[in-house]
């Protein structure tokens, strides 16, 4: 017995041209951060005439569009993000970014366009819906905590969703493939900062100075040693020091070294342990060599954790809509991060990935990845994302987590 209206695939195909036009318009005009006003305007224009209640975020350019069915019932949230990245596009596409140094290299243009198409399809079925659908159009995913701001603005309070779903494209995954996993899907994303202070001097007479550069190098090595020997294999963590800044000339021992990096974990316990280790190791190594250290940890997103019931639903829906073998369980989490995690802290649900490599591509993993200046995708697979949004919403409204 099928569990969804399989016409959603046909409905998504009918919306294809409008969705692609919207996606390309957003792609060519990328915006960064929390205030993507032109993108929000494009999305709102695509929803004009639909039976939707629009509520704007006070602290961002985000908004929710609320579709109330003909009868009361459960509430489900579908989310699409809209912000771009500070990357110079090198794809050569006809609709490539027209703004120097900004690019939709993470697929947020497709996420918001797919969600708009889903809103149009579900709005046409308003008379048969029992419950409410919240379409969450969110800026500021790329490190700006957009979801948290929208939650703090009260946009998920009335009505409060009972279940939530988000979809993310993946350019190095086989086209049309859907994948996710129970529990930890993505990592937390704290930013690490440290300032190590020594005593400057002449590079020809380092014994008269206290050189902070080898101290910083030792601290980086000690952090990797902590990862290798103190972190359990079953509760992963990553510490990557990605920037070391020091010095002004080849013959001067600098006074200060700045370290920057990231801590990624899959559990709150390991996250707290990693934060404590960073501070203890950097300050301890510095003190050993007569230096001082100041440490600052900027809190990033929490780990993204999927509800097992929602993942099971996605597997069933993907199989029912697109056939056996369409869904594959992810073997392990990805240590990237997502601010949909804030929604999943509040509402049970899940995020899933959909492959957008060209059909028949022999080695999808060799393609430019997310956040790459040459990242491209096969647009024809986006119809599957639209259908999956619609199927998740209607299935949840009809049966909840059954």
Protein backbone atom coordinates (compact mmCIF):
# COMPACT_ATOMS: atom_id res chain seq x y z
CA UNK A 1 0.00 0.00 0.00
CA UNK A 2 1.37 3.41 -0.91
CA UNK A 3 1.60 5.91 1.93
CA UNK A 4 1.70 9.16 -0.05
CA UNK A 5 -0.03 10.81 -2.93
CA UNK A 6 2.32 9.75 -5.72
CA UNK A 7 0.96 12.60 -7.87
CA UNK A 8 3.41 14.82 -5.96
CA UNK A 9 6.11 13.82 -8.41
CA UNK A 10 3.93 14.93 -11.32
CA UNK A 11 2.96 18.10 -9.46
CA UNK A 12 6.62 18.89 -8.88
CA UNK A 13 7.37 18.40 -12.56
CA UNK A 14 4.56 20.82 -13.38
CA UNK A 15 6.23 23.43 -11.16
CA UNK A 16 9.68 22.74 -12.59
CA UNK A 17 10.07 25.69 -14.97
CA UNK A 18 8.91 28.26 -12.42
CA UNK A 19 11.11 26.72 -9.73
CA UNK A 20 14.20 26.76 -11.94
CA UNK A 21 13.58 30.36 -13.01
CA UNK A 22 13.34 31.36 -9.35
CA UNK A 23 16.44 29.37 -8.43
CA UNK A 24 18.48 30.99 -11.20
CA UNK A 25 17.29 34.48 -10.28
CA UNK A 26 18.37 33.92 -6.68
CA UNK A 27 21.66 32.35 -7.81
CA UNK A 28 22.56 35.34 -9.97
CA UNK A 29 21.85 37.80 -7.15
CA UNK A 30 23.42 36.26 -4.01
CA UNK A 31 23.27 37.87 -0.58
CA UNK A 32 25.14 37.10 2.62
CA UNK A 33 24.17 36.88 6.26
CA UNK A 34 20.96 37.67 8.08
CA UNK A 35 19.57 40.36 5.80
CA UNK A 36 18.95 38.89 2.35
CA UNK A 37 16.25 41.40 1.46
CA UNK A 38 16.28 40.98 -2.32
CA UNK A 39 16.13 37.21 -1.98
CA UNK A 40 13.22 37.43 0.47
CA UNK A 41 11.42 39.73 -1.96
CA UNK A 42 11.86 37.22 -4.80
CA UNK A 43 10.51 34.42 -2.62
CA UNK A 44 7.53 36.43 -1.43
CA UNK A 45 6.72 37.35 -5.02
CA UNK A 46 6.70 33.64 -5.92
CA UNK A 47 4.07 33.05 -3.20
CA UNK A 48 1.73 35.88 -4.16
CA UNK A 49 -1.90 34.90 -4.52
CA UNK A 50 -1.57 31.79 -2.36
CA UNK A 51 -3.67 31.29 0.81
CA UNK A 52 -0.67 31.88 3.05
CA UNK A 53 -0.23 34.01 6.16
CA UNK A 54 3.18 35.74 5.98
CA UNK A 55 4.97 36.55 9.22
CA UNK A 56 8.26 38.43 9.04
CA UNK A 57 11.25 37.98 11.31
CA UNK A 58 12.04 41.11 13.31
CA UNK A 59 15.79 40.48 13.47
CA UNK A 60 16.42 39.03 9.99
CA UNK A 61 14.97 39.17 6.49
CA UNK A 62 13.52 35.71 7.03
CA UNK A 63 9.83 34.93 7.14
CA UNK A 64 7.40 32.08 7.60
CA UNK A 65 4.43 31.38 5.33
CA UNK A 66 1.62 29.56 7.14
CA UNK A 67 -0.86 27.36 5.29
CA UNK A 68 -3.89 26.39 7.38
CA UNK A 69 -5.77 23.36 6.15
CA UNK A 70 -9.53 23.07 5.94
CA UNK A 71 -9.63 21.23 9.26
CA UNK A 72 -7.54 21.59 12.44
CA UNK A 73 -4.85 19.08 13.21
CA UNK A 74 -1.10 18.72 13.58
CA UNK A 75 1.46 21.32 12.49
CA UNK A 76 4.48 20.49 10.36
CA UNK A 77 7.42 22.77 9.48
CA UNK A 78 9.36 22.69 6.21
CA UNK A 79 12.52 24.78 6.02
CA UNK A 80 14.59 26.30 3.22
CA UNK A 81 17.59 28.60 3.71
CA UNK A 82 18.48 31.46 1.38
CA UNK A 83 21.92 33.01 2.10
CA UNK A 84 25.06 32.64 -0.01
CA UNK A 85 28.79 32.38 0.73
CA UNK A 86 31.69 34.87 0.39
CA UNK A 87 33.18 32.98 -2.58
CA UNK A 88 34.00 34.22 -6.09
CA UNK A 89 32.06 32.02 -8.51
CA UNK A 90 34.01 30.18 -11.22
CA UNK A 91 31.29 28.02 -12.80
CA UNK A 92 30.87 29.94 -16.07
CA UNK A 93 27.08 29.45 -15.89
CA UNK A 94 24.85 31.85 -17.82
CA UNK A 95 23.13 32.69 -14.53
CA UNK A 96 26.34 32.87 -12.47
CA UNK A 97 26.66 35.36 -9.65
CA UNK A 98 26.64 38.98 -10.79
CA UNK A 99 28.19 40.11 -7.51
CA UNK A 100 31.94 39.89 -7.05
CA UNK A 101 32.93 37.66 -4.16
CA UNK A 102 29.49 36.18 -3.45
CA UNK A 103 28.16 32.83 -4.61
CA UNK A 104 25.48 30.26 -3.90
CA UNK A 105 28.04 27.49 -3.42
CA UNK A 106 26.01 25.56 -0.83
CA UNK A 107 22.74 25.17 -2.68
CA UNK A 108 20.61 27.52 -0.61
CA UNK A 109 19.19 28.95 -3.82
CA UNK A 110 17.82 25.49 -4.60
CA UNK A 111 16.55 24.92 -1.05
CA UNK A 112 14.42 28.06 -1.03
CA UNK A 113 13.21 27.52 -4.61
CA UNK A 114 12.18 23.94 -3.83
CA UNK A 115 10.32 25.12 -0.74
CA UNK A 116 8.50 27.78 -2.75
CA UNK A 117 7.38 25.15 -5.26
CA UNK A 118 6.19 22.91 -2.41
CA UNK A 119 4.21 25.82 -0.97
CA UNK A 120 2.43 26.32 -4.29
CA UNK A 121 1.58 22.61 -4.59
CA UNK A 122 0.34 22.23 -1.02
CA UNK A 123 -1.63 25.47 -1.22
CA UNK A 124 -3.58 23.94 -4.10
CA UNK A 125 -4.52 21.09 -1.77
CA UNK A 126 -5.61 23.31 1.13
CA UNK A 127 -9.17 21.97 1.07
CA UNK A 128 -7.97 18.41 1.73
CA UNK A 129 -5.39 19.24 4.40
CA UNK A 130 -6.03 18.50 8.05
CA UNK A 131 -3.63 20.69 10.02
CA UNK A 132 -1.11 23.42 9.32
CA UNK A 133 2.07 23.70 7.27
CA UNK A 134 4.74 26.27 8.19
CA UNK A 135 7.14 27.13 5.37
CA UNK A 136 10.26 28.60 7.00
CA UNK A 137 12.34 30.76 4.64
CA UNK A 138 15.53 31.47 6.55
CA UNK A 139 18.65 33.60 5.95
CA UNK A 140 21.88 33.48 7.90
CA UNK A 141 22.59 29.74 7.86
CA UNK A 142 26.25 30.18 6.93
CA UNK A 143 27.52 30.91 10.42
CA UNK A 144 25.04 33.65 11.32
CA UNK A 145 22.56 31.65 13.46
CA UNK A 146 19.58 32.63 11.34
CA UNK A 147 17.38 29.80 12.61
CA UNK A 148 18.06 30.74 16.22
CA UNK A 149 17.13 34.36 15.57
CA UNK A 150 13.88 33.36 13.89
CA UNK A 151 13.04 31.06 16.80
CA UNK A 152 13.80 33.86 19.28
CA UNK A 153 11.51 36.11 17.24
CA UNK A 154 8.67 33.71 18.13
CA UNK A 155 8.01 32.53 14.57
CA UNK A 156 7.75 28.90 15.69
CA UNK A 157 5.50 29.57 18.69
CA UNK A 158 1.99 29.97 17.30
CA UNK A 159 1.28 27.52 15.91
CA UNK A 160 4.10 25.43 17.35
CA UNK A 161 5.22 22.68 14.95
CA UNK A 162 4.91 19.03 15.97
CA UNK A 163 7.39 17.84 13.35
CA UNK A 164 10.03 19.43 11.11
CA UNK A 165 11.87 18.57 7.90
CA UNK A 166 14.69 20.12 5.86
CA UNK A 167 16.41 18.99 2.69
CA UNK A 168 19.98 19.77 1.57
CA UNK A 169 21.40 19.15 -1.90
CA UNK A 170 24.70 17.24 -2.23
CA UNK A 171 26.68 17.68 -5.47
CA UNK A 172 28.99 14.71 -4.89
CA UNK A 173 26.14 12.24 -4.28
CA UNK A 174 24.54 10.16 -7.04
CA UNK A 175 21.74 12.11 -8.68
CA UNK A 176 18.33 11.51 -7.09
CA UNK A 177 19.73 9.54 -4.16
CA UNK A 178 18.23 10.39 -0.77
CA UNK A 179 20.22 9.78 2.39
CA UNK A 180 20.10 10.52 6.10
CA UNK A 181 20.63 8.77 9.43
CA UNK A 182 19.22 8.52 12.93
CA UNK A 183 20.79 10.54 15.73
CA UNK A 184 23.82 12.68 15.03
CA UNK A 185 23.88 13.80 11.39
CA UNK A 186 26.12 16.89 11.58
CA UNK A 187 28.50 18.34 14.15
CA UNK A 188 28.57 21.35 16.42
CA UNK A 189 30.64 24.24 15.07
CA UNK A 190 32.49 26.25 17.70
CA UNK A 191 35.15 28.77 16.60
CA UNK A 192 38.46 28.71 18.50
CA UNK A 193 40.59 31.80 19.11
CA UNK A 194 43.81 32.18 21.09
CA UNK A 195 46.39 34.92 21.57
CA UNK A 196 49.81 33.79 22.77
CA UNK A 197 52.06 36.57 24.06
CA UNK A 198 55.82 36.34 24.45
CA UNK A 199 58.47 39.05 24.32
CA UNK A 200 59.61 40.44 21.00
CA UNK A 201 63.18 41.01 19.96
CA UNK A 202 65.85 40.66 17.29
CA UNK A 203 65.68 37.40 15.33
CA UNK A 204 69.50 37.16 15.47
CA UNK A 205 69.34 37.14 19.28
CA UNK A 206 66.28 35.01 20.14
CA UNK A 207 67.71 34.24 23.60
CA UNK A 208 66.96 37.83 24.55
CA UNK A 209 63.31 37.41 23.55
CA UNK A 210 60.54 34.93 24.34
CA UNK A 211 59.49 33.67 20.92
CA UNK A 212 55.76 32.78 20.82
CA UNK A 213 55.94 31.08 17.41
CA UNK A 214 57.39 27.71 18.52
CA UNK A 215 55.06 27.87 21.50
CA UNK A 216 52.08 28.20 19.17
CA UNK A 217 53.37 25.31 17.06
CA UNK A 218 53.72 23.13 20.15
CA UNK A 219 50.19 24.01 21.23
CA UNK A 220 48.81 22.98 17.83
CA UNK A 221 50.62 19.65 18.08
CA UNK A 222 49.36 19.08 21.62
CA UNK A 223 45.79 19.70 20.50
CA UNK A 224 46.13 17.04 17.81
CA UNK A 225 47.62 14.69 20.39
CA UNK A 226 44.55 15.25 22.57
CA UNK A 227 42.28 14.34 19.64
CA UNK A 228 44.30 11.21 18.88
CA UNK A 229 44.63 9.89 22.42
CA UNK A 230 41.86 11.38 24.54
CA UNK A 231 38.79 11.30 22.28
CA UNK A 232 36.84 8.00 22.03
CA UNK A 233 36.41 6.65 18.51
CA UNK A 234 32.65 6.29 19.09
CA UNK A 235 32.18 9.95 20.11
CA UNK A 236 34.17 11.80 17.49
CA UNK A 237 35.70 15.26 17.69
CA UNK A 238 37.78 17.38 15.32
CA UNK A 239 40.04 20.29 16.20
CA UNK A 240 41.49 22.07 13.20
CA UNK A 241 43.73 25.12 13.62
CA UNK A 242 43.27 26.89 10.31
CA UNK A 243 45.02 30.23 10.86
CA UNK A 244 48.30 31.27 12.49
CA UNK A 245 49.14 34.98 12.32
CA UNK A 246 52.39 36.50 13.60
CA UNK A 247 55.24 38.81 12.78
CA UNK A 248 56.01 41.82 10.62
CA UNK A 249 59.51 41.16 9.24
CA UNK A 250 61.99 38.33 8.67
CA UNK A 251 64.40 39.59 11.32
CA UNK A 252 61.97 40.32 14.16
CA UNK A 253 60.78 37.92 16.85
CA UNK A 254 57.11 38.83 17.21
CA UNK A 255 55.45 39.70 20.46
CA UNK A 256 52.16 37.94 19.67
CA UNK A 257 50.81 34.93 17.77
CA UNK A 258 47.12 34.59 16.93
CA UNK A 259 45.58 31.13 16.47
CA UNK A 260 42.17 30.47 14.96
CA UNK A 261 40.36 27.24 14.23
CA UNK A 262 37.28 25.14 14.81
CA UNK A 263 36.02 22.48 17.19
CA UNK A 264 33.54 19.94 15.81
CA UNK A 265 31.76 17.38 18.01
CA UNK A 266 28.70 15.14 17.89
CA UNK A 267 27.67 15.26 21.56
CA UNK A 268 27.34 17.89 24.27
CA UNK A 269 29.71 15.91 26.50
CA UNK A 270 32.50 15.89 23.92
CA UNK A 271 31.83 19.51 23.05
CA UNK A 272 32.40 20.63 26.65
CA UNK A 273 35.48 18.42 26.91
CA UNK A 274 36.90 19.89 23.70
CA UNK A 275 36.36 23.44 24.84
CA UNK A 276 38.05 22.72 28.18
CA UNK A 277 40.95 20.96 26.47
CA UNK A 278 41.56 23.86 24.09
CA UNK A 279 41.82 26.34 26.93
CA UNK A 280 43.87 24.07 29.19
CA UNK A 281 46.36 23.03 26.50
CA UNK A 282 46.95 26.48 24.98
CA UNK A 283 47.35 28.17 28.35
CA UNK A 284 49.42 25.31 29.76
CA UNK A 285 51.86 25.17 26.85
CA UNK A 286 52.21 28.95 26.91
CA UNK A 287 52.94 29.01 30.64
CA UNK A 288 55.56 26.28 30.25
CA UNK A 289 57.54 28.58 27.95
CA UNK A 290 57.12 31.82 29.93
CA UNK A 291 54.34 33.06 27.66
CA UNK A 292 50.78 34.00 28.46
CA UNK A 293 47.67 33.03 26.53
CA UNK A 294 44.17 34.42 26.18
CA UNK A 295 41.50 32.07 24.87
CA UNK A 296 38.08 32.83 23.40
CA UNK A 297 35.60 30.26 22.13
CA UNK A 298 32.77 31.58 19.98
CA UNK A 299 29.78 29.31 20.33
CA UNK A 300 28.62 27.88 17.04
CA UNK A 301 25.72 25.64 16.13
CA UNK A 302 24.81 22.60 18.21
CA UNK A 303 25.05 19.16 16.65
CA UNK A 304 22.22 18.31 14.25
CA UNK A 305 20.36 15.29 15.62
CA UNK A 306 17.62 13.49 13.70
CA UNK A 307 14.60 11.82 15.30
CA UNK A 308 14.52 8.11 14.32
CA UNK A 309 10.80 8.31 13.50
CA UNK A 310 11.37 11.13 11.04
CA UNK A 311 14.25 9.31 9.36
CA UNK A 312 12.11 6.18 9.00
CA UNK A 313 9.40 8.32 7.41
CA UNK A 314 11.84 9.83 4.90
CA UNK A 315 13.06 6.35 3.94
CA UNK A 316 9.50 5.15 3.38
CA UNK A 317 8.49 8.23 1.43
CA UNK A 318 11.56 8.26 -0.81
CA UNK A 319 11.04 4.59 -1.63
CA UNK A 320 7.34 5.05 -2.25
CA UNK A 321 7.84 8.10 -4.46
CA UNK A 322 10.97 7.18 -6.40
CA UNK A 323 11.43 3.42 -6.11
CA UNK A 324 13.51 0.85 -4.27
CA UNK A 325 17.14 1.77 -3.74
CA UNK A 326 16.50 5.51 -3.79
CA UNK A 327 17.14 5.82 -0.07
CA UNK A 328 20.46 4.82 1.49
CA UNK A 329 21.39 5.21 5.14
CA UNK A 330 24.44 7.37 5.79
CA UNK A 331 27.11 5.16 7.39
CA UNK A 332 28.46 7.93 9.61
CA UNK A 333 27.86 11.59 10.50
CA UNK A 334 29.42 14.47 8.58
CA UNK A 335 31.49 16.89 10.66
CA UNK A 336 30.07 19.93 8.91
CA UNK A 337 27.38 21.90 10.72
CA UNK A 338 23.86 23.25 10.16
CA UNK A 339 21.72 25.71 12.06
CA UNK A 340 18.62 23.60 11.39
CA UNK A 341 19.98 22.01 14.56
CA UNK A 342 18.26 24.81 16.51
CA UNK A 343 14.91 23.75 15.07
CA UNK A 344 15.58 20.09 15.87
CA UNK A 345 16.38 21.01 19.47
CA UNK A 346 12.85 22.39 19.68
CA UNK A 347 10.92 20.08 17.35
CA UNK A 348 11.37 16.38 16.49
CA UNK A 349 12.24 15.91 12.83
CA UNK A 350 15.14 15.41 10.49
CA UNK A 351 17.32 16.76 7.73
CA UNK A 352 18.03 14.63 4.68
CA UNK A 353 20.37 15.01 1.71
CA UNK A 354 19.52 14.59 -1.97
CA UNK A 355 22.15 13.90 -4.62
CA UNK A 356 22.33 16.31 -7.55
CA UNK A 357 25.18 14.87 -9.61
CA UNK A 358 24.37 14.53 -13.33
CA UNK A 359 22.64 11.29 -14.26
CA UNK A 360 25.12 8.59 -15.22
CA UNK A 361 28.13 10.40 -13.74
CA UNK A 362 30.68 7.64 -13.14
CA UNK A 363 32.37 9.24 -10.14
CA UNK A 364 30.15 11.78 -8.36
CA UNK A 365 32.64 12.14 -5.51
CA UNK A 366 35.17 13.66 -7.93
CA UNK A 367 32.89 16.62 -8.65
CA UNK A 368 33.41 20.05 -7.00
CA UNK A 369 31.95 19.88 -3.52
CA UNK A 370 29.82 22.23 -1.47
CA UNK A 371 31.58 25.56 -0.75
CA UNK A 372 33.70 25.19 -3.91
CA UNK A 373 33.82 28.08 -6.46
CA UNK A 374 33.04 25.62 -9.27
CA UNK A 375 30.19 23.79 -7.55
CA UNK A 376 27.32 23.01 -9.93
CA UNK A 377 24.32 20.70 -9.82
CA UNK A 378 21.92 18.87 -12.08
CA UNK A 379 18.70 20.87 -11.74
CA UNK A 380 16.41 18.06 -12.93
CA UNK A 381 16.78 16.29 -9.58
CA UNK A 382 15.26 19.22 -7.70
CA UNK A 383 11.75 18.00 -8.58
CA UNK A 384 12.38 15.07 -6.28
CA UNK A 385 13.14 17.46 -3.45
CA UNK A 386 9.86 19.29 -4.01
CA UNK A 387 7.92 16.03 -4.03
CA UNK A 388 9.64 14.88 -0.85
CA UNK A 389 8.76 18.12 0.96
CA UNK A 390 5.11 17.71 -0.03
CA UNK A 391 5.03 14.03 0.88
CA UNK A 392 6.60 14.59 4.28
CA UNK A 393 4.13 17.35 5.12
CA UNK A 394 0.97 15.49 4.05
CA UNK A 395 2.07 12.18 5.54
CA UNK A 396 2.85 13.82 8.89
CA UNK A 397 -0.39 15.79 8.98
CA UNK A 398 -2.38 12.66 8.22
CA UNK A 399 -0.68 10.16 10.54
CA UNK A 400 1.91 11.88 12.71
CA UNK A 401 4.79 9.58 13.63
CA UNK A 402 2.77 6.38 13.05
